[in-house]
Amino acid sequence: DQSNITVWSTNLTVAVSSPVVAELLPNGNFVLRASKMNGQDGVLWQSFDYPTDTLLPHMKLGLDLKTGHNRFLTSWTNSYDPSSGNTSFKLEMRALPEFLLLMDGWPSFRSGPWDGIRFSGLPEMQEWSYFNIVYNFTVNKEEVAYTFRVTTPTTYWRLIVTSQENLKLYMWNSNTLDWTMVWMPPQNDCNLYQICGRNSYCDTNTSPVCNCIKGFGPRDPEEWLFLGGIGECLRKTQLSCSDDKFVQLKNMKLPDTTGVIVDTRIGLQECEERCAKNCNCTAYANTDIQNGGSGCVIWTSGLMDIRNYATA
């Protein structure tokens, strides 16, 4: 400023042999690059690596495994104050990575793991295809990242996280010259993180919304009734670890993936066999539902944060 006080810095210290150029790219990415180098190799710093409350097409959310940098969204304090707020949308690195919507660092919503097509806790994202939006989740040795792109080049989109703990997708309306919200996750109790207890699932079409999984019952029936179905569910019959059978749960958000066992090399049949041999196994599923399904994820503790969808 006028007093020669730094008001903003990239916090980047690097030696360069040529002058540094600042450039705003057509996609909205503000980059600092060495003037003698073109393309991504010449980029010294870019704003796309440090998102605020907004994700633009081609930006990445998630972890750069080479640098350890985790790119995540942070809300404004309120609609008038752009300083960092209390809500963030951040990748949680687990055996099966998934995104969490956090309020003051505490989860309020979980996306569910990527199943090859979408996040199991956000089936509504498939509606984005109506807007010519293609999204992808990449997991490799270099990064674990989510991104989206628009196949209609004349439209402009942005995904934001708000101070009201919401994700919202906006499209620029060239007629009204403002941003029009076209999508947000349904606002209901079943989207709240762990609204129902262990070994139960949430269903907006039942009353109460919390239901014990088949084969389980309320740990404390009186408390269950008093609290409107909120509580832990226990097995009605203990496992024998020899001739136990499995119950298929359809159209479900996969349980919280903390502490799960993952093997992407095997299919569902071998996954079931491994689960049946493990007396601690409580559930299993494919990690990828494409082309008939592949990969294996096994839960060995209580099942948390499950919900039912009318369609999936």
C-alpha atoms as a PDB file:
ATOM      1  CA  ASP A   1       0.000   0.000   0.000  1.00  0.00           C
ATOM      2  CA  GLN A   2       1.044   3.658   0.241  1.00  0.00           C
ATOM      3  CA  SER A   3       3.013   2.883   3.388  1.00  0.00           C
ATOM      4  CA  ASN A   4       4.905   0.090   1.629  1.00  0.00           C
ATOM      5  CA  ILE A   5       3.139  -2.526   3.774  1.00  0.00           C
ATOM      6  CA  THR A   6       2.421  -5.888   2.141  1.00  0.00           C
ATOM      7  CA  VAL A   7      -1.332  -6.590   2.076  1.00  0.00           C
ATOM      8  CA  TRP A   8      -1.148  -9.858   0.156  1.00  0.00           C
ATOM      9  CA  SER A   9       1.547 -12.370  -0.731  1.00  0.00           C
ATOM     10  CA  THR A  10       1.760 -15.814  -2.310  1.00  0.00           C
ATOM     11  CA  ASN A  11       4.128 -16.942   0.463  1.00  0.00           C
ATOM     12  CA  LEU A  12       6.225 -18.412  -2.344  1.00  0.00           C
ATOM     13  CA  THR A  13      10.007 -18.234  -2.235  1.00  0.00           C
ATOM     14  CA  VAL A  14      11.737 -19.559  -5.332  1.00  0.00           C
ATOM     15  CA  ALA A  15      14.703 -18.543  -7.456  1.00  0.00           C
ATOM     16  CA  VAL A  16      13.944 -17.816 -11.118  1.00  0.00           C
ATOM     17  CA  SER A  17      16.335 -16.944 -13.918  1.00  0.00           C
ATOM     18  CA  SER A  18      13.845 -14.842 -15.880  1.00  0.00           C
ATOM     19  CA  PRO A  19      11.292 -12.144 -15.047  1.00  0.00           C
ATOM     20  CA  VAL A  20       8.012 -13.281 -13.516  1.00  0.00           C
ATOM     21  CA  VAL A  21       4.770 -12.605 -15.371  1.00  0.00           C
ATOM     22  CA  ALA A  22       1.336 -12.344 -13.737  1.00  0.00           C
ATOM     23  CA  GLU A  23      -1.475 -13.505 -16.008  1.00  0.00           C
ATOM     24  CA  LEU A  24      -5.233 -13.995 -15.658  1.00  0.00           C
ATOM     25  CA  LEU A  25      -6.208 -16.952 -17.850  1.00  0.00           C
ATOM     26  CA  PRO A  26      -9.580 -17.224 -19.656  1.00  0.00           C
ATOM     27  CA  ASN A  27     -10.723 -19.944 -17.215  1.00  0.00           C
ATOM     28  CA  GLY A  28     -10.292 -17.578 -14.253  1.00  0.00           C
ATOM     29  CA  ASN A  29      -6.957 -18.960 -13.046  1.00  0.00           C
ATOM     30  CA  PHE A  30      -4.527 -16.246 -11.927  1.00  0.00           C
ATOM     31  CA  VAL A  31      -0.978 -17.507 -12.459  1.00  0.00           C
ATOM     32  CA  LEU A  32       2.551 -16.348 -11.829  1.00  0.00           C
ATOM     33  CA  ARG A  33       4.956 -17.847 -14.329  1.00  0.00           C
ATOM     34  CA  ALA A  34       8.478 -17.499 -15.612  1.00  0.00           C
ATOM     35  CA  SER A  35       8.329 -15.283 -18.701  1.00  0.00           C
ATOM     36  CA  LYS A  36      10.561 -17.588 -20.769  1.00  0.00           C
ATOM     37  CA  MET A  37       8.396 -20.657 -20.154  1.00  0.00           C
ATOM     38  CA  ASN A  38       4.920 -21.403 -21.434  1.00  0.00           C
ATOM     39  CA  GLY A  39       2.366 -23.936 -20.295  1.00  0.00           C
ATOM     40  CA  GLN A  40       1.993 -25.607 -16.931  1.00  0.00           C
ATOM     41  CA  ASP A  41       5.737 -26.242 -16.559  1.00  0.00           C
ATOM     42  CA  GLY A  42       6.369 -22.517 -16.254  1.00  0.00           C
ATOM     43  CA  VAL A  43       3.767 -21.877 -13.549  1.00  0.00           C
ATOM     44  CA  LEU A  44       5.304 -20.851 -10.229  1.00  0.00           C
ATOM     45  CA  TRP A  45       2.025 -20.207  -8.423  1.00  0.00           C
ATOM     46  CA  GLN A  46      -1.661 -20.356  -9.383  1.00  0.00           C
ATOM     47  CA  SER A  47      -4.858 -19.254  -7.685  1.00  0.00           C
ATOM     48  CA  PHE A  48      -6.594 -22.530  -8.634  1.00  0.00           C
ATOM     49  CA  ASP A  49      -4.450 -24.221  -5.965  1.00  0.00           C
ATOM     50  CA  TYR A  50      -5.906 -21.913  -3.310  1.00  0.00           C
ATOM     51  CA  PRO A  51      -9.685 -21.803  -3.759  1.00  0.00           C
ATOM     52  CA  THR A  52     -11.791 -19.585  -1.526  1.00  0.00           C
ATOM     53  CA  ASP A  53     -15.516 -20.356  -1.388  1.00  0.00           C
ATOM     54  CA  THR A  54     -15.771 -21.075  -5.125  1.00  0.00           C
ATOM     55  CA  LEU A  55     -14.941 -24.002  -7.396  1.00  0.00           C
ATOM     56  CA  LEU A  56     -14.773 -23.136 -11.094  1.00  0.00           C
ATOM     57  CA  PRO A  57     -14.666 -25.604 -13.997  1.00  0.00           C
ATOM     58  CA  HIS A  58     -11.240 -27.288 -14.262  1.00  0.00           C
ATOM     59  CA  MET A  59     -10.292 -26.342 -10.695  1.00  0.00           C
ATOM     60  CA  LYS A  60      -9.383 -29.272  -8.471  1.00  0.00           C
ATOM     61  CA  LEU A  61     -10.544 -30.079  -4.967  1.00  0.00           C
ATOM     62  CA  GLY A  62      -8.470 -32.572  -3.053  1.00  0.00           C
ATOM     63  CA  LEU A  63      -4.945 -33.619  -2.221  1.00  0.00           C
ATOM     64  CA  ASP A  64      -1.783 -33.127  -4.266  1.00  0.00           C
ATOM     65  CA  LEU A  65       0.196 -36.184  -3.162  1.00  0.00           C
ATOM     66  CA  LYS A  66       3.473 -34.730  -4.463  1.00  0.00           C
ATOM     67  CA  THR A  67       3.338 -31.589  -2.328  1.00  0.00           C
ATOM     68  CA  GLY A  68       0.873 -32.628   0.384  1.00  0.00           C
ATOM     69  CA  HIS A  69      -1.263 -29.580  -0.383  1.00  0.00           C
ATOM     70  CA  ASN A  70      -5.001 -30.126   0.205  1.00  0.00           C
ATOM     71  CA  ARG A  71      -7.242 -27.839  -1.850  1.00  0.00           C
ATOM     72  CA  PHE A  72     -10.603 -27.172  -0.205  1.00  0.00           C
ATOM     73  CA  LEU A  73     -13.401 -24.607  -0.132  1.00  0.00           C
ATOM     74  CA  THR A  74     -13.949 -22.186   2.752  1.00  0.00           C
ATOM     75  CA  SER A  75     -17.073 -20.057   3.022  1.00  0.00           C
ATOM     76  CA  TRP A  76     -17.232 -16.312   3.458  1.00  0.00           C
ATOM     77  CA  THR A  77     -17.984 -15.118   6.993  1.00  0.00           C
ATOM     78  CA  ASN A  78     -21.340 -13.924   5.646  1.00  0.00           C
ATOM     79  CA  SER A  79     -22.761 -12.698   2.333  1.00  0.00           C
ATOM     80  CA  TYR A  80     -21.147  -9.275   2.854  1.00  0.00           C
ATOM     81  CA  ASP A  81     -17.818 -10.257   4.401  1.00  0.00           C
ATOM     82  CA  PRO A  82     -15.408 -12.254   2.183  1.00  0.00           C
ATOM     83  CA  SER A  83     -13.050 -13.125   5.034  1.00  0.00           C
ATOM     84  CA  SER A  84     -12.805 -16.841   5.816  1.00  0.00           C
ATOM     85  CA  GLY A  85     -15.897 -18.220   7.521  1.00  0.00           C
ATOM     86  CA  ASN A  86     -16.614 -21.291   9.626  1.00  0.00           C
ATOM     87  CA  THR A  87     -17.826 -23.649   6.888  1.00  0.00           C
ATOM     88  CA  SER A  88     -15.522 -25.700   4.661  1.00  0.00           C
ATOM     89  CA  PHE A  89     -15.848 -28.510   2.120  1.00  0.00           C
ATOM     90  CA  LYS A  90     -12.772 -30.691   2.386  1.00  0.00           C
ATOM     91  CA  LEU A  91     -11.407 -34.054   1.259  1.00  0.00           C
ATOM     92  CA  GLU A  92     -10.898 -36.487   4.115  1.00  0.00           C
ATOM     93  CA  MET A  93      -8.122 -38.960   3.303  1.00  0.00           C
ATOM     94  CA  ARG A  94      -9.277 -42.427   4.322  1.00  0.00           C
ATOM     95  CA  ALA A  95      -8.932 -45.897   2.809  1.00  0.00           C
ATOM     96  CA  LEU A  96     -11.823 -44.659   0.654  1.00  0.00           C
ATOM     97  CA  PRO A  97     -11.495 -40.855   0.422  1.00  0.00           C
ATOM     98  CA  GLU A  98     -14.647 -38.767   0.762  1.00  0.00           C
ATOM     99  CA  PHE A  99     -15.578 -35.119   1.194  1.00  0.00           C
ATOM    100  CA  LEU A 100     -16.882 -33.630   4.428  1.00  0.00           C
ATOM    101  CA  LEU A 101     -18.835 -30.419   4.896  1.00  0.00           C
ATOM    102  CA  LEU A 102     -17.413 -29.017   8.125  1.00  0.00           C
ATOM    103  CA  MET A 103     -18.783 -26.388  10.503  1.00  0.00           C
ATOM    104  CA  ASP A 104     -16.152 -25.089  12.913  1.00  0.00           C
ATOM    105  CA  GLY A 105     -14.165 -28.224  12.072  1.00  0.00           C
ATOM    106  CA  TRP A 106     -17.025 -30.616  12.904  1.00  0.00           C
ATOM    107  CA  PRO A 107     -18.691 -32.698  10.158  1.00  0.00           C
ATOM    108  CA  SER A 108     -22.236 -31.714   9.246  1.00  0.00           C
ATOM    109  CA  PHE A 109     -22.449 -33.698   5.990  1.00  0.00           C
ATOM    110  CA  ARG A 110     -20.498 -36.554   4.373  1.00  0.00           C
ATOM    111  CA  SER A 111     -20.413 -37.072   0.608  1.00  0.00           C
ATOM    112  CA  GLY A 112     -19.930 -40.829   0.776  1.00  0.00           C
ATOM    113  CA  PRO A 113     -17.083 -42.443  -1.218  1.00  0.00           C
ATOM    114  CA  TRP A 114     -16.790 -42.221  -5.001  1.00  0.00           C
ATOM    115  CA  ASP A 115     -18.337 -45.332  -6.578  1.00  0.00           C
ATOM    116  CA  GLY A 116     -16.990 -44.856 -10.100  1.00  0.00           C
ATOM    117  CA  ILE A 117     -19.963 -42.764 -11.208  1.00  0.00           C
ATOM    118  CA  ARG A 118     -20.740 -40.379  -8.351  1.00  0.00           C
ATOM    119  CA  PHE A 119     -20.396 -39.918  -4.614  1.00  0.00           C
ATOM    120  CA  SER A 120     -22.761 -42.384  -2.944  1.00  0.00           C
ATOM    121  CA  GLY A 121     -24.149 -39.656  -0.671  1.00  0.00           C
ATOM    122  CA  LEU A 122     -24.842 -37.230  -3.516  1.00  0.00           C
ATOM    123  CA  PRO A 123     -26.913 -39.115  -6.119  1.00  0.00           C
ATOM    124  CA  GLU A 124     -28.512 -35.790  -7.045  1.00  0.00           C
ATOM    125  CA  MET A 125     -25.243 -34.778  -8.713  1.00  0.00           C
ATOM    126  CA  GLN A 126     -26.274 -36.936 -11.663  1.00  0.00           C
ATOM    127  CA  GLU A 127     -28.753 -34.141 -12.460  1.00  0.00           C
ATOM    128  CA  TRP A 128     -25.752 -32.047 -13.504  1.00  0.00           C
ATOM    129  CA  SER A 129     -25.668 -33.927 -16.802  1.00  0.00           C
ATOM    130  CA  TYR A 130     -28.812 -31.995 -17.780  1.00  0.00           C
ATOM    131  CA  PHE A 131     -26.650 -28.865 -17.718  1.00  0.00           C
ATOM    132  CA  ASN A 132     -23.903 -30.447 -19.869  1.00  0.00           C
ATOM    133  CA  ILE A 133     -21.616 -30.731 -16.862  1.00  0.00           C
ATOM    134  CA  VAL A 134     -19.161 -33.620 -16.639  1.00  0.00           C
ATOM    135  CA  TYR A 135     -17.487 -34.353 -13.303  1.00  0.00           C
ATOM    136  CA  ASN A 136     -14.693 -36.720 -12.343  1.00  0.00           C
ATOM    137  CA  PHE A 137     -12.842 -38.046  -9.308  1.00  0.00           C
ATOM    138  CA  THR A 138      -9.195 -38.969  -9.861  1.00  0.00           C
ATOM    139  CA  VAL A 139      -7.184 -41.277  -7.603  1.00  0.00           C
ATOM    140  CA  ASN A 140      -3.599 -42.029  -8.634  1.00  0.00           C
ATOM    141  CA  LYS A 141      -0.026 -41.715  -7.368  1.00  0.00           C
ATOM    142  CA  GLU A 142       0.003 -37.950  -7.919  1.00  0.00           C
ATOM    143  CA  GLU A 143      -3.346 -36.775  -6.616  1.00  0.00           C
ATOM    144  CA  VAL A 144      -6.755 -37.518  -5.151  1.00  0.00           C
ATOM    145  CA  ALA A 145      -8.935 -34.840  -6.664  1.00  0.00           C
ATOM    146  CA  TYR A 146     -12.428 -33.898  -7.815  1.00  0.00           C
ATOM    147  CA  THR A 147     -13.069 -31.621 -10.781  1.00  0.00           C
ATOM    148  CA  PHE A 148     -15.819 -30.727 -13.218  1.00  0.00           C
ATOM    149  CA  ARG A 149     -16.009 -29.226 -16.683  1.00  0.00           C
ATOM    150  CA  VAL A 150     -18.747 -27.781 -18.880  1.00  0.00           C
ATOM    151  CA  THR A 151     -19.208 -29.096 -22.414  1.00  0.00           C
ATOM    152  CA  THR A 152     -21.116 -25.962 -23.471  1.00  0.00           C
ATOM    153  CA  PRO A 153     -18.396 -23.304 -23.747  1.00  0.00           C
ATOM    154  CA  THR A 154     -20.785 -20.327 -23.796  1.00  0.00           C
ATOM    155  CA  THR A 155     -22.123 -20.935 -20.271  1.00  0.00           C
ATOM    156  CA  TYR A 156     -20.469 -20.057 -16.978  1.00  0.00           C
ATOM    157  CA  TRP A 157     -20.781 -22.041 -13.771  1.00  0.00           C
ATOM    158  CA  ARG A 158     -19.499 -22.050 -10.217  1.00  0.00           C
ATOM    159  CA  LEU A 159     -19.952 -24.287  -7.177  1.00  0.00           C
ATOM    160  CA  ILE A 160     -19.765 -22.510  -3.833  1.00  0.00           C
ATOM    161  CA  VAL A 161     -19.879 -23.383  -0.151  1.00  0.00           C
ATOM    162  CA  THR A 162     -21.959 -20.927   1.874  1.00  0.00           C
ATOM    163  CA  SER A 163     -21.778 -19.742   5.461  1.00  0.00           C
ATOM    164  CA  GLN A 164     -25.142 -21.514   5.967  1.00  0.00           C
ATOM    165  CA  GLU A 165     -23.454 -24.931   5.522  1.00  0.00           C
ATOM    166  CA  ASN A 166     -24.716 -25.464   1.978  1.00  0.00           C
ATOM    167  CA  LEU A 167     -23.239 -26.375  -1.376  1.00  0.00           C
ATOM    168  CA  LYS A 168     -24.807 -24.461  -4.254  1.00  0.00           C
ATOM    169  CA  LEU A 169     -24.308 -24.621  -8.020  1.00  0.00           C
ATOM    170  CA  TYR A 170     -24.806 -21.354  -9.905  1.00  0.00           C
ATOM    171  CA  MET A 171     -25.108 -20.517 -13.603  1.00  0.00           C
ATOM    172  CA  TRP A 172     -24.547 -17.058 -15.051  1.00  0.00           C
ATOM    173  CA  ASN A 173     -27.827 -15.743 -16.498  1.00  0.00           C
ATOM    174  CA  SER A 174     -26.988 -13.538 -19.475  1.00  0.00           C
ATOM    175  CA  ASN A 175     -30.552 -12.178 -19.568  1.00  0.00           C
ATOM    176  CA  THR A 176     -30.742 -10.956 -15.979  1.00  0.00           C
ATOM    177  CA  LEU A 177     -26.966 -10.468 -15.685  1.00  0.00           C
ATOM    178  CA  ASP A 178     -26.679 -12.276 -12.381  1.00  0.00           C
ATOM    179  CA  TRP A 179     -25.957 -15.718 -10.944  1.00  0.00           C
ATOM    180  CA  THR A 180     -28.909 -18.117 -10.804  1.00  0.00           C
ATOM    181  CA  MET A 181     -28.833 -21.053  -8.389  1.00  0.00           C
ATOM    182  CA  VAL A 182     -29.743 -24.252 -10.243  1.00  0.00           C
ATOM    183  CA  TRP A 183     -28.820 -26.983  -7.736  1.00  0.00           C
ATOM    184  CA  MET A 184     -28.190 -27.686  -4.082  1.00  0.00           C
ATOM    185  CA  PRO A 185     -28.359 -30.915  -2.057  1.00  0.00           C
ATOM    186  CA  PRO A 186     -31.814 -31.591  -0.580  1.00  0.00           C
ATOM    187  CA  GLN A 187     -32.201 -30.024   2.838  1.00  0.00           C
ATOM    188  CA  ASN A 188     -33.570 -32.690   5.151  1.00  0.00           C
ATOM    189  CA  ASP A 189     -32.667 -34.454   8.382  1.00  0.00           C
ATOM    190  CA  CYS A 190     -31.192 -37.443   6.557  1.00  0.00           C
ATOM    191  CA  ASN A 191     -28.392 -35.319   5.116  1.00  0.00           C
ATOM    192  CA  LEU A 192     -27.160 -34.418   8.612  1.00  0.00           C
ATOM    193  CA  TYR A 193     -24.010 -36.286   9.570  1.00  0.00           C
ATOM    194  CA  GLN A 194     -24.738 -39.278  11.826  1.00  0.00           C
ATOM    195  CA  ILE A 195     -28.292 -38.128  12.538  1.00  0.00           C
ATOM    196  CA  CYS A 196     -29.118 -41.778  13.216  1.00  0.00           C
ATOM    197  CA  GLY A 197     -27.203 -44.059  15.553  1.00  0.00           C
ATOM    198  CA  ARG A 198     -24.951 -47.035  14.998  1.00  0.00           C
ATOM    199  CA  ASN A 199     -26.351 -49.816  12.752  1.00  0.00           C
ATOM    200  CA  SER A 200     -29.366 -47.780  11.678  1.00  0.00           C
ATOM    201  CA  TYR A 201     -30.236 -45.824   8.545  1.00  0.00           C
ATOM    202  CA  CYS A 202     -32.180 -42.661   7.770  1.00  0.00           C
ATOM    203  CA  ASP A 203     -35.231 -42.640   5.491  1.00  0.00           C
ATOM    204  CA  THR A 204     -37.215 -39.441   4.887  1.00  0.00           C
ATOM    205  CA  ASN A 205     -40.294 -41.512   4.000  1.00  0.00           C
ATOM    206  CA  THR A 206     -40.622 -43.093   7.466  1.00  0.00           C
ATOM    207  CA  SER A 207     -41.580 -41.711  10.855  1.00  0.00           C
ATOM    208  CA  PRO A 208     -39.351 -41.579  12.739  1.00  0.00           C
ATOM    209  CA  VAL A 209     -36.718 -41.174  10.028  1.00  0.00           C
ATOM    210  CA  CYS A 210     -34.255 -43.513  11.772  1.00  0.00           C
ATOM    211  CA  ASN A 211     -34.671 -47.265  11.274  1.00  0.00           C
ATOM    212  CA  CYS A 212     -32.650 -50.224  12.510  1.00  0.00           C
ATOM    213  CA  ILE A 213     -31.054 -52.318   9.763  1.00  0.00           C
ATOM    214  CA  LYS A 214     -32.828 -55.639   9.222  1.00  0.00           C
ATOM    215  CA  GLY A 215     -31.650 -58.103  11.874  1.00  0.00           C
ATOM    216  CA  PHE A 216     -30.984 -55.304  14.376  1.00  0.00           C
ATOM    217  CA  GLY A 217     -33.153 -53.756  17.069  1.00  0.00           C
ATOM    218  CA  PRO A 218     -32.975 -50.706  19.366  1.00  0.00           C
ATOM    219  CA  ARG A 219     -30.466 -51.070  22.193  1.00  0.00           C
ATOM    220  CA  ASP A 220     -32.935 -49.307  24.476  1.00  0.00           C
ATOM    221  CA  PRO A 221     -36.510 -49.515  23.090  1.00  0.00           C
ATOM    222  CA  GLU A 222     -37.881 -46.969  25.574  1.00  0.00           C
ATOM    223  CA  GLU A 223     -35.150 -44.465  24.771  1.00  0.00           C
ATOM    224  CA  TRP A 224     -35.679 -45.142  21.053  1.00  0.00           C
ATOM    225  CA  LEU A 225     -39.350 -44.185  21.330  1.00  0.00           C
ATOM    226  CA  PHE A 226     -38.667 -41.198  23.583  1.00  0.00           C
ATOM    227  CA  LEU A 227     -35.991 -39.741  21.274  1.00  0.00           C
ATOM    228  CA  GLY A 228     -37.924 -40.432  18.077  1.00  0.00           C
ATOM    229  CA  GLY A 229     -35.744 -43.256  16.796  1.00  0.00           C
ATOM    230  CA  ILE A 230     -32.346 -41.778  17.619  1.00  0.00           C
ATOM    231  CA  GLY A 231     -30.102 -44.357  19.259  1.00  0.00           C
ATOM    232  CA  GLU A 232     -27.929 -47.400  18.730  1.00  0.00           C
ATOM    233  CA  CYS A 233     -29.181 -50.635  17.174  1.00  0.00           C
ATOM    234  CA  LEU A 234     -27.833 -54.038  18.226  1.00  0.00           C
ATOM    235  CA  ARG A 235     -27.930 -57.454  16.564  1.00  0.00           C
ATOM    236  CA  LYS A 236     -30.943 -59.533  17.504  1.00  0.00           C
ATOM    237  CA  THR A 237     -28.889 -62.700  16.988  1.00  0.00           C
ATOM    238  CA  GLN A 238     -25.132 -62.959  17.404  1.00  0.00           C
ATOM    239  CA  LEU A 239     -22.998 -64.096  14.463  1.00  0.00           C
ATOM    240  CA  SER A 240     -21.929 -67.730  14.299  1.00  0.00           C
ATOM    241  CA  CYS A 241     -18.991 -67.021  11.941  1.00  0.00           C
ATOM    242  CA  SER A 242     -19.816 -70.173   9.969  1.00  0.00           C
ATOM    243  CA  ASP A 243     -23.192 -70.081   8.236  1.00  0.00           C
ATOM    244  CA  ASP A 244     -24.184 -66.415   8.518  1.00  0.00           C
ATOM    245  CA  LYS A 245     -26.134 -64.850   5.653  1.00  0.00           C
ATOM    246  CA  PHE A 246     -26.055 -61.332   4.249  1.00  0.00           C
ATOM    247  CA  VAL A 247     -28.926 -58.904   3.627  1.00  0.00           C
ATOM    248  CA  GLN A 248     -28.662 -56.680   0.559  1.00  0.00           C
ATOM    249  CA  LEU A 249     -29.374 -53.003   1.207  1.00  0.00           C
ATOM    250  CA  LYS A 250     -30.307 -51.204  -2.012  1.00  0.00           C
ATOM    251  CA  ASN A 251     -30.209 -47.488  -2.813  1.00  0.00           C
ATOM    252  CA  MET A 252     -28.128 -46.708   0.249  1.00  0.00           C
ATOM    253  CA  LYS A 253     -25.427 -44.201   1.025  1.00  0.00           C
ATOM    254  CA  LEU A 254     -22.399 -46.281   1.996  1.00  0.00           C
ATOM    255  CA  PRO A 255     -21.532 -46.148   5.720  1.00  0.00           C
ATOM    256  CA  ASP A 256     -18.797 -43.932   7.108  1.00  0.00           C
ATOM    257  CA  THR A 257     -15.489 -45.257   5.755  1.00  0.00           C
ATOM    258  CA  THR A 258     -13.343 -44.597   8.821  1.00  0.00           C
ATOM    259  CA  GLY A 259     -11.224 -47.709   9.440  1.00  0.00           C
ATOM    260  CA  VAL A 260     -12.519 -49.759   6.496  1.00  0.00           C
ATOM    261  CA  ILE A 261     -10.472 -52.425   4.682  1.00  0.00           C
ATOM    262  CA  VAL A 262     -10.105 -51.881   0.926  1.00  0.00           C
ATOM    263  CA  ASP A 263      -8.820 -54.211  -1.807  1.00  0.00           C
ATOM    264  CA  THR A 264      -9.431 -52.969  -5.343  1.00  0.00           C
ATOM    265  CA  ARG A 265      -8.012 -56.154  -6.921  1.00  0.00           C
ATOM    266  CA  ILE A 266     -10.944 -58.454  -6.145  1.00  0.00           C
ATOM    267  CA  GLY A 267     -14.635 -58.597  -7.009  1.00  0.00           C
ATOM    268  CA  LEU A 268     -17.837 -58.841  -5.021  1.00  0.00           C
ATOM    269  CA  GLN A 269     -17.865 -62.641  -4.718  1.00  0.00           C
ATOM    270  CA  GLU A 270     -14.412 -62.839  -3.142  1.00  0.00           C
ATOM    271  CA  CYS A 271     -15.283 -59.794  -1.053  1.00  0.00           C
ATOM    272  CA  GLU A 272     -18.275 -61.665   0.383  1.00  0.00           C
ATOM    273  CA  GLU A 273     -16.115 -64.703   1.102  1.00  0.00           C
ATOM    274  CA  ARG A 274     -13.569 -62.595   2.977  1.00  0.00           C
ATOM    275  CA  CYS A 275     -16.301 -60.928   4.985  1.00  0.00           C
ATOM    276  CA  ALA A 276     -17.879 -64.279   5.874  1.00  0.00           C
ATOM    277  CA  LYS A 277     -14.537 -65.565   7.195  1.00  0.00           C
ATOM    278  CA  ASN A 278     -13.951 -62.467   9.318  1.00  0.00           C
ATOM    279  CA  CYS A 279     -15.997 -62.602  12.534  1.00  0.00           C
ATOM    280  CA  ASN A 280     -15.570 -58.836  12.894  1.00  0.00           C
ATOM    281  CA  CYS A 281     -16.957 -58.078   9.426  1.00  0.00           C
ATOM    282  CA  THR A 282     -20.263 -56.208   9.523  1.00  0.00           C
ATOM    283  CA  ALA A 283     -20.744 -55.331   5.830  1.00  0.00           C
ATOM    284  CA  TYR A 284     -19.076 -55.321   2.422  1.00  0.00           C
ATOM    285  CA  ALA A 285     -19.541 -53.589  -0.944  1.00  0.00           C
ATOM    286  CA  ASN A 286     -17.909 -52.877  -4.297  1.00  0.00           C
ATOM    287  CA  THR A 287     -15.644 -49.852  -4.463  1.00  0.00           C
ATOM    288  CA  ASP A 288     -16.649 -49.299  -8.108  1.00  0.00           C
ATOM    289  CA  ILE A 289     -20.159 -50.051  -9.409  1.00  0.00           C
ATOM    290  CA  GLN A 290     -19.299 -49.622 -13.103  1.00  0.00           C
ATOM    291  CA  ASN A 291     -19.424 -52.575 -15.506  1.00  0.00           C
ATOM    292  CA  GLY A 292     -20.974 -54.979 -13.038  1.00  0.00           C
ATOM    293  CA  GLY A 293     -18.864 -53.861 -10.093  1.00  0.00           C
ATOM    294  CA  SER A 294     -15.278 -54.315  -8.939  1.00  0.00           C
ATOM    295  CA  GLY A 295     -13.116 -53.789  -5.883  1.00  0.00           C
ATOM    296  CA  CYS A 296     -13.925 -54.591  -2.276  1.00  0.00           C
ATOM    297  CA  VAL A 297     -14.534 -52.544   0.856  1.00  0.00           C
ATOM    298  CA  ILE A 298     -15.177 -54.229   4.211  1.00  0.00           C
ATOM    299  CA  TRP A 299     -16.528 -52.695   7.425  1.00  0.00           C
ATOM    300  CA  THR A 300     -15.468 -54.313  10.708  1.00  0.00           C
ATOM    301  CA  SER A 301     -17.264 -52.091  13.221  1.00  0.00           C
ATOM    302  CA  GLY A 302     -20.646 -50.449  13.714  1.00  0.00           C
ATOM    303  CA  LEU A 303     -22.193 -48.926  10.582  1.00  0.00           C
ATOM    304  CA  MET A 304     -22.643 -45.156  10.797  1.00  0.00           C
ATOM    305  CA  ASP A 305     -24.188 -42.364   8.733  1.00  0.00           C
ATOM    306  CA  ILE A 306     -26.284 -44.475   6.348  1.00  0.00           C
ATOM    307  CA  ARG A 307     -29.319 -43.184   4.524  1.00  0.00           C
ATOM    308  CA  ASN A 308     -31.826 -44.572   2.060  1.00  0.00           C
ATOM    309  CA  TYR A 309     -32.682 -42.989  -1.276  1.00  0.00           C
ATOM    310  CA  ALA A 310     -35.882 -43.498  -3.248  1.00  0.00           C
ATOM    311  CA  THR A 311     -33.671 -43.925  -6.323  1.00  0.00           C
ATOM    312  CA  ALA A 312     -29.921 -44.166  -6.757  1.00  0.00           C
END
